């Protein structure tokens, strides 16, 4: 299952990646931790997968949170 990668976040030598992909005719957003094995990037079991049609809900929820709370910046 490979697809489009709209967002990567490096963290402590690993990579958190958002990947949009299709499996068995359904499209999903997959947010997963990846690690380097030599020169290859490999996924871990850490992460979550949600149906793509729920992304609008997630976007709205994050937007509402950011509108009511100042972002935590470090």
PDB file of N, CA and C in Angstrom:
ATOM      1  N   UNK A   1       0.849  -1.168   0.000  1.00  0.00           N
ATOM      2  CA  UNK A   1       0.000   0.000   0.000  1.00  0.00           C
ATOM      3  C   UNK A   1       0.899   1.236   0.000  1.00  0.00           C
ATOM      4  N   UNK A   2       1.084   1.850  -1.146  1.00  0.00           N
ATOM      5  CA  UNK A   2       1.836   3.090  -1.236  1.00  0.00           C
ATOM      6  C   UNK A   2       0.952   4.133  -1.891  1.00  0.00           C
ATOM      7  N   UNK A   3       1.245   5.385  -1.587  1.00  0.00           N
ATOM      8  CA  UNK A   3       0.401   6.438  -2.134  1.00  0.00           C
ATOM      9  C   UNK A   3       1.087   7.787  -2.086  1.00  0.00           C
ATOM     10  N   UNK A   4       0.274   8.824  -2.047  1.00  0.00           N
ATOM     11  CA  UNK A   4       0.752  10.201  -2.009  1.00  0.00           C
ATOM     12  C   UNK A   4       1.163  10.566  -0.588  1.00  0.00           C
ATOM     13  N   UNK A   5       2.282  11.274  -0.451  1.00  0.00           N
ATOM     14  CA  UNK A   5       2.773  11.705   0.856  1.00  0.00           C
ATOM     15  C   UNK A   5       2.698  13.229   0.917  1.00  0.00           C
ATOM     16  N   UNK A   6       1.626  13.790   1.534  1.00  0.00           N
ATOM     17  CA  UNK A   6       1.505  15.242   1.598  1.00  0.00           C
ATOM     18  C   UNK A   6       2.252  15.881   2.772  1.00  0.00           C
ATOM     19  N   UNK A   7       2.723  15.060   3.755  1.00  0.00           N
ATOM     20  CA  UNK A   7       3.342  15.657   4.943  1.00  0.00           C
ATOM     21  C   UNK A   7       4.296  14.671   5.599  1.00  0.00           C
ATOM     22  N   UNK A   8       5.495  15.162   5.955  1.00  0.00           N
ATOM     23  CA  UNK A   8       6.493  14.419   6.725  1.00  0.00           C
ATOM     24  C   UNK A   8       6.918  15.264   7.914  1.00  0.00           C
ATOM     25  N   UNK A   9       7.166  14.632   9.061  1.00  0.00           N
ATOM     26  CA  UNK A   9       7.656  15.325  10.248  1.00  0.00           C
ATOM     27  C   UNK A   9       8.802  14.531  10.853  1.00  0.00           C
ATOM     28  N   UNK A  10      10.059  14.988  10.649  1.00  0.00           N
ATOM     29  CA  UNK A  10      11.179  14.301  11.292  1.00  0.00           C
ATOM     30  C   UNK A  10      11.092  14.464  12.816  1.00  0.00           C
ATOM     31  N   UNK A  11      11.435  13.390  13.547  1.00  0.00           N
ATOM     32  CA  UNK A  11      11.414  13.453  15.005  1.00  0.00           C
ATOM     33  C   UNK A  11      12.350  12.392  15.568  1.00  0.00           C
ATOM     34  N   UNK A  12      13.374  12.823  16.274  1.00  0.00           N
ATOM     35  CA  UNK A  12      14.325  11.962  16.967  1.00  0.00           C
ATOM     36  C   UNK A  12      14.879  10.840  16.087  1.00  0.00           C
ATOM     37  N   UNK A  13      15.300  11.189  14.894  1.00  0.00           N
ATOM     38  CA  UNK A  13      15.914  10.218  13.994  1.00  0.00           C
ATOM     39  C   UNK A  13      14.937   9.378  13.200  1.00  0.00           C
ATOM     40  N   UNK A  14      13.651   9.513  13.503  1.00  0.00           N
ATOM     41  CA  UNK A  14      12.607   8.802  12.758  1.00  0.00           C
ATOM     42  C   UNK A  14      11.823   9.808  11.933  1.00  0.00           C
ATOM     43  N   UNK A  15      10.798   9.337  11.294  1.00  0.00           N
ATOM     44  CA  UNK A  15       9.978  10.193  10.457  1.00  0.00           C
ATOM     45  C   UNK A  15       8.519   9.828  10.674  1.00  0.00           C
ATOM     46  N   UNK A  16       7.690  10.821  11.005  1.00  0.00           N
ATOM     47  CA  UNK A  16       6.241  10.622  11.033  1.00  0.00           C
ATOM     48  C   UNK A  16       5.731  11.067   9.690  1.00  0.00           C
ATOM     49  N   UNK A  17       4.949  10.232   9.049  1.00  0.00           N
ATOM     50  CA  UNK A  17       4.530  10.486   7.664  1.00  0.00           C
ATOM     51  C   UNK A  17       3.023  10.322   7.523  1.00  0.00           C
ATOM     52  N   UNK A  18       2.414  11.287   6.820  1.00  0.00           N
ATOM     53  CA  UNK A  18       1.016  11.167   6.429  1.00  0.00           C
ATOM     54  C   UNK A  18       0.997  10.700   4.983  1.00  0.00           C
ATOM     55  N   UNK A  19       0.375   9.570   4.764  1.00  0.00           N
ATOM     56  CA  UNK A  19       0.299   8.995   3.424  1.00  0.00           C
ATOM     57  C   UNK A  19      -1.166   8.741   3.078  1.00  0.00           C
ATOM     58  N   UNK A  20      -1.572   9.159   1.887  1.00  0.00           N
ATOM     59  CA  UNK A  20      -2.918   8.896   1.384  1.00  0.00           C
ATOM     60  C   UNK A  20      -2.800   7.755   0.384  1.00  0.00           C
ATOM     61  N   UNK A  21      -3.522   6.669   0.653  1.00  0.00           N
ATOM     62  CA  UNK A  21      -3.400   5.498  -0.216  1.00  0.00           C
ATOM     63  C   UNK A  21      -4.732   4.768  -0.319  1.00  0.00           C
ATOM     64  N   UNK A  22      -4.815   3.884  -1.306  1.00  0.00           N
ATOM     65  CA  UNK A  22      -6.017   3.107  -1.560  1.00  0.00           C
ATOM     66  C   UNK A  22      -5.721   1.636  -1.317  1.00  0.00           C
ATOM     67  N   UNK A  23      -6.664   0.972  -0.662  1.00  0.00           N
ATOM     68  CA  UNK A  23      -6.539  -0.465  -0.388  1.00  0.00           C
ATOM     69  C   UNK A  23      -7.924  -1.082  -0.504  1.00  0.00           C
ATOM     70  N   UNK A  24      -8.047  -2.113  -1.295  1.00  0.00           N
ATOM     71  CA  UNK A  24      -9.338  -2.791  -1.520  1.00  0.00           C
ATOM     72  C   UNK A  24     -10.436  -1.814  -1.943  1.00  0.00           C
ATOM     73  N   UNK A  25     -10.082  -0.842  -2.771  1.00  0.00           N
ATOM     74  CA  UNK A  25     -11.055   0.100  -3.307  1.00  0.00           C
ATOM     75  C   UNK A  25     -11.437   1.235  -2.379  1.00  0.00           C
ATOM     76  N   UNK A  26     -10.852   1.314  -1.186  1.00  0.00           N
ATOM     77  CA  UNK A  26     -11.138   2.402  -0.243  1.00  0.00           C
ATOM     78  C   UNK A  26      -9.888   3.244  -0.069  1.00  0.00           C
ATOM     79  N   UNK A  27     -10.079   4.535   0.158  1.00  0.00           N
ATOM     80  CA  UNK A  27      -8.951   5.455   0.327  1.00  0.00           C
ATOM     81  C   UNK A  27      -8.817   5.826   1.796  1.00  0.00           C
ATOM     82  N   UNK A  28      -7.585   5.820   2.281  1.00  0.00           N
ATOM     83  CA  UNK A  28      -7.284   6.059   3.687  1.00  0.00           C
ATOM     84  C   UNK A  28      -6.192   7.119   3.858  1.00  0.00           C
ATOM     85  N   UNK A  29      -6.216   7.762   5.022  1.00  0.00           N
ATOM     86  CA  UNK A  29      -5.110   8.607   5.471  1.00  0.00           C
ATOM     87  C   UNK A  29      -4.371   7.781   6.525  1.00  0.00           C
ATOM     88  N   UNK A  30      -3.099   7.576   6.309  1.00  0.00           N
ATOM     89  CA  UNK A  30      -2.283   6.743   7.170  1.00  0.00           C
ATOM     90  C   UNK A  30      -1.206   7.620   7.810  1.00  0.00           C
ATOM     91  N   UNK A  31      -1.286   7.832   9.126  1.00  0.00           N
ATOM     92  CA  UNK A  31      -0.299   8.618   9.877  1.00  0.00           C
ATOM     93  C   UNK A  31       0.528   7.620  10.661  1.00  0.00           C
ATOM     94  N   UNK A  32       1.801   7.469  10.267  1.00  0.00           N
ATOM     95  CA  UNK A  32       2.613   6.385  10.797  1.00  0.00           C
ATOM     96  C   UNK A  32       4.051   6.822  11.039  1.00  0.00           C
ATOM     97  N   UNK A  33       4.671   6.204  12.028  1.00  0.00           N
ATOM     98  CA  UNK A  33       6.085   6.404  12.313  1.00  0.00           C
ATOM     99  C   UNK A  33       6.907   5.489  11.404  1.00  0.00           C
ATOM    100  N   UNK A  34       7.931   6.062  10.782  1.00  0.00           N
ATOM    101  CA  UNK A  34       8.835   5.318   9.909  1.00  0.00           C
ATOM    102  C   UNK A  34      10.244   5.406  10.491  1.00  0.00           C
ATOM    103  N   UNK A  35      11.090   4.449  10.148  1.00  0.00           N
ATOM    104  CA  UNK A  35      12.481   4.447  10.611  1.00  0.00           C
ATOM    105  C   UNK A  35      13.400   4.093   9.445  1.00  0.00           C
ATOM    106  N   UNK A  36      14.657   4.471   9.613  1.00  0.00           N
ATOM    107  CA  UNK A  36      15.659   4.172   8.584  1.00  0.00           C
ATOM    108  C   UNK A  36      16.316   2.836   8.882  1.00  0.00           C
ATOM    109  N   UNK A  37      16.373   1.988   7.874  1.00  0.00           N
ATOM    110  CA  UNK A  37      17.141   0.740   7.938  1.00  0.00           C
ATOM    111  C   UNK A  37      18.140   0.829   6.798  1.00  0.00           C
ATOM    112  N   UNK A  38      19.366   1.260   7.132  1.00  0.00           N
ATOM    113  CA  UNK A  38      20.355   1.551   6.091  1.00  0.00           C
ATOM    114  C   UNK A  38      19.886   2.760   5.296  1.00  0.00           C
ATOM    115  N   UNK A  39      19.689   2.577   4.000  1.00  0.00           N
ATOM    116  CA  UNK A  39      19.201   3.672   3.153  1.00  0.00           C
ATOM    117  C   UNK A  39      17.707   3.555   2.850  1.00  0.00           C
ATOM    118  N   UNK A  40      17.044   2.541   3.437  1.00  0.00           N
ATOM    119  CA  UNK A  40      15.614   2.314   3.199  1.00  0.00           C
ATOM    120  C   UNK A  40      14.781   2.863   4.347  1.00  0.00           C
ATOM    121  N   UNK A  41      13.668   3.451   4.014  1.00  0.00           N
ATOM    122  CA  UNK A  41      12.706   3.937   4.995  1.00  0.00           C
ATOM    123  C   UNK A  41      11.631   2.871   5.165  1.00  0.00           C
ATOM    124  N   UNK A  42      11.389   2.444   6.416  1.00  0.00           N
ATOM    125  CA  UNK A  42      10.447   1.355   6.692  1.00  0.00           C
ATOM    126  C   UNK A  42       9.384   1.816   7.694  1.00  0.00           C
ATOM    127  N   UNK A  43       8.126   1.385   7.505  1.00  0.00           N
ATOM    128  CA  UNK A  43       7.077   1.770   8.449  1.00  0.00           C
ATOM    129  C   UNK A  43       7.127   0.928   9.722  1.00  0.00           C
ATOM    130  N   UNK A  44       6.663   1.519  10.824  1.00  0.00           N
ATOM    131  CA  UNK A  44       6.487   0.772  12.072  1.00  0.00           C
ATOM    132  C   UNK A  44       4.998   0.488  12.246  1.00  0.00           C
ATOM    133  N   UNK A  45       4.662  -0.199  13.317  1.00  0.00           N
ATOM    134  CA  UNK A  45       3.256  -0.437  13.635  1.00  0.00           C
ATOM    135  C   UNK A  45       2.654   0.757  14.369  1.00  0.00           C
ATOM    136  N   UNK A  46       3.498   1.698  14.801  1.00  0.00           N
ATOM    137  CA  UNK A  46       3.013   2.869  15.536  1.00  0.00           C
ATOM    138  C   UNK A  46       2.355   3.843  14.570  1.00  0.00           C
ATOM    139  N   UNK A  47       1.093   4.143  14.800  1.00  0.00           N
ATOM    140  CA  UNK A  47       0.381   5.077  13.952  1.00  0.00           C
ATOM    141  C   UNK A  47      -1.091   4.732  13.899  1.00  0.00           C
ATOM    142  N   UNK A  48      -1.783   5.395  13.001  1.00  0.00           N
ATOM    143  CA  UNK A  48      -3.211   5.152  12.850  1.00  0.00           C
ATOM    144  C   UNK A  48      -3.629   5.344  11.405  1.00  0.00           C
ATOM    145  N   UNK A  49      -4.699   4.691  11.032  1.00  0.00           N
ATOM    146  CA  UNK A  49      -5.251   4.803   9.691  1.00  0.00           C
ATOM    147  C   UNK A  49      -6.720   5.158   9.823  1.00  0.00           C
ATOM    148  N   UNK A  50      -7.155   6.192   9.087  1.00  0.00           N
ATOM    149  CA  UNK A  50      -8.568   6.570   9.120  1.00  0.00           C
ATOM    150  C   UNK A  50      -9.083   6.684   7.687  1.00  0.00           C
ATOM    151  N   UNK A  51     -10.366   6.408   7.491  1.00  0.00           N
ATOM    152  CA  UNK A  51     -10.945   6.556   6.154  1.00  0.00           C
ATOM    153  C   UNK A  51     -10.823   8.013   5.689  1.00  0.00           C
ATOM    154  N   UNK A  52     -10.503   8.210   4.435  1.00  0.00           N
ATOM    155  CA  UNK A  52     -10.271   9.552   3.918  1.00  0.00           C
ATOM    156  C   UNK A  52     -11.489  10.456   4.069  1.00  0.00           C
ATOM    157  N   UNK A  53     -12.697   9.891   4.004  1.00  0.00           N
ATOM    158  CA  UNK A  53     -13.889  10.736   4.130  1.00  0.00           C
ATOM    159  C   UNK A  53     -13.992  11.391   5.514  1.00  0.00           C
ATOM    160  N   UNK A  54     -13.242  10.922   6.510  1.00  0.00           N
ATOM    161  CA  UNK A  54     -13.242  11.528   7.844  1.00  0.00           C
ATOM    162  C   UNK A  54     -12.235  12.659   7.962  1.00  0.00           C
ATOM    163  N   UNK A  55     -11.388  12.868   6.940  1.00  0.00           N
ATOM    164  CA  UNK A  55     -10.367  13.917   6.990  1.00  0.00           C
ATOM    165  C   UNK A  55     -10.992  15.306   7.125  1.00  0.00           C
ATOM    166  N   UNK A  56     -12.133  15.549   6.477  1.00  0.00           N
ATOM    167  CA  UNK A  56     -12.799  16.849   6.593  1.00  0.00           C
ATOM    168  C   UNK A  56     -13.195  17.099   8.043  1.00  0.00           C
ATOM    169  N   UNK A  57     -13.710  16.078   8.725  1.00  0.00           N
ATOM    170  CA  UNK A  57     -14.051  16.202  10.147  1.00  0.00           C
ATOM    171  C   UNK A  57     -12.816  16.514  10.987  1.00  0.00           C
ATOM    172  N   UNK A  58     -11.722  15.818  10.715  1.00  0.00           N
ATOM    173  CA  UNK A  58     -10.474  16.056  11.432  1.00  0.00           C
ATOM    174  C   UNK A  58      -9.979  17.474  11.190  1.00  0.00           C
ATOM    175  N   UNK A  59     -10.026  17.922   9.958  1.00  0.00           N
ATOM    176  CA  UNK A  59      -9.624  19.282   9.600  1.00  0.00           C
ATOM    177  C   UNK A  59     -10.463  20.308  10.364  1.00  0.00           C
ATOM    178  N   UNK A  60     -11.777  20.107  10.383  1.00  0.00           N
ATOM    179  CA  UNK A  60     -12.672  21.025  11.094  1.00  0.00           C
ATOM    180  C   UNK A  60     -12.386  21.031  12.596  1.00  0.00           C
ATOM    181  N   UNK A  61     -12.146  19.857  13.171  1.00  0.00           N
ATOM    182  CA  UNK A  61     -11.860  19.766  14.606  1.00  0.00           C
ATOM    183  C   UNK A  61     -10.551  20.473  14.949  1.00  0.00           C
ATOM    184  N   UNK A  62      -9.525  20.272  14.135  1.00  0.00           N
ATOM    185  CA  UNK A  62      -8.247  20.956  14.374  1.00  0.00           C
ATOM    186  C   UNK A  62      -8.392  22.466  14.195  1.00  0.00           C
ATOM    187  N   UNK A  63      -9.158  22.882  13.183  1.00  0.00           N
ATOM    188  CA  UNK A  63      -9.396  24.302  12.962  1.00  0.00           C
ATOM    189  C   UNK A  63     -10.113  24.945  14.138  1.00  0.00           C
ATOM    190  N   UNK A  64     -11.120  24.253  14.684  1.00  0.00           N
ATOM    191  CA  UNK A  64     -11.850  24.767  15.843  1.00  0.00           C
ATOM    192  C   UNK A  64     -10.936  24.868  17.059  1.00  0.00           C
ATOM    193  N   UNK A  65     -10.102  23.860  17.258  1.00  0.00           N
ATOM    194  CA  UNK A  65      -9.150  23.897  18.367  1.00  0.00           C
ATOM    195  C   UNK A  65      -8.189  25.075  18.225  1.00  0.00           C
ATOM    196  N   UNK A  66      -7.610  25.242  17.049  1.00  0.00           N
ATOM    197  CA  UNK A  66      -6.649  26.332  16.840  1.00  0.00           C
ATOM    198  C   UNK A  66      -7.309  27.693  16.960  1.00  0.00           C
ATOM    199  N   UNK A  67      -8.584  27.803  16.627  1.00  0.00           N
ATOM    200  CA  UNK A  67      -9.298  29.074  16.745  1.00  0.00           C
ATOM    201  C   UNK A  67      -9.583  29.416  18.208  1.00  0.00           C
ATOM    202  N   UNK A  68      -9.698  28.397  19.070  1.00  0.00           N
ATOM    203  CA  UNK A  68     -10.037  28.652  20.479  1.00  0.00           C
ATOM    204  C   UNK A  68      -8.842  28.620  21.408  1.00  0.00           C
ATOM    205  N   UNK A  69      -7.770  27.979  21.007  1.00  0.00           N
ATOM    206  CA  UNK A  69      -6.569  27.843  21.843  1.00  0.00           C
ATOM    207  C   UNK A  69      -5.353  28.345  21.072  1.00  0.00           C
ATOM    208  N   UNK A  70      -4.475  29.103  21.737  1.00  0.00           N
ATOM    209  CA  UNK A  70      -3.246  29.486  21.043  1.00  0.00           C
ATOM    210  C   UNK A  70      -2.373  28.261  20.808  1.00  0.00           C
ATOM    211  N   UNK A  71      -1.757  28.158  19.640  1.00  0.00           N
ATOM    212  CA  UNK A  71      -0.869  27.014  19.374  1.00  0.00           C
ATOM    213  C   UNK A  71       0.300  27.013  20.352  1.00  0.00           C
ATOM    214  N   UNK A  72       0.704  25.841  20.755  1.00  0.00           N
ATOM    215  CA  UNK A  72       1.873  25.697  21.625  1.00  0.00           C
ATOM    216  C   UNK A  72       3.124  25.732  20.774  1.00  0.00           C
ATOM    217  N   UNK A  73       3.910  26.767  20.948  1.00  0.00           N
ATOM    218  CA  UNK A  73       5.139  26.902  20.161  1.00  0.00           C
ATOM    219  C   UNK A  73       6.333  26.768  21.075  1.00  0.00           C
ATOM    220  N   UNK A  74       7.317  26.023  20.631  1.00  0.00           N
ATOM    221  CA  UNK A  74       8.552  25.866  21.416  1.00  0.00           C
ATOM    222  C   UNK A  74       9.721  26.286  20.599  1.00  0.00           C
TER     223      UNK A  74
END
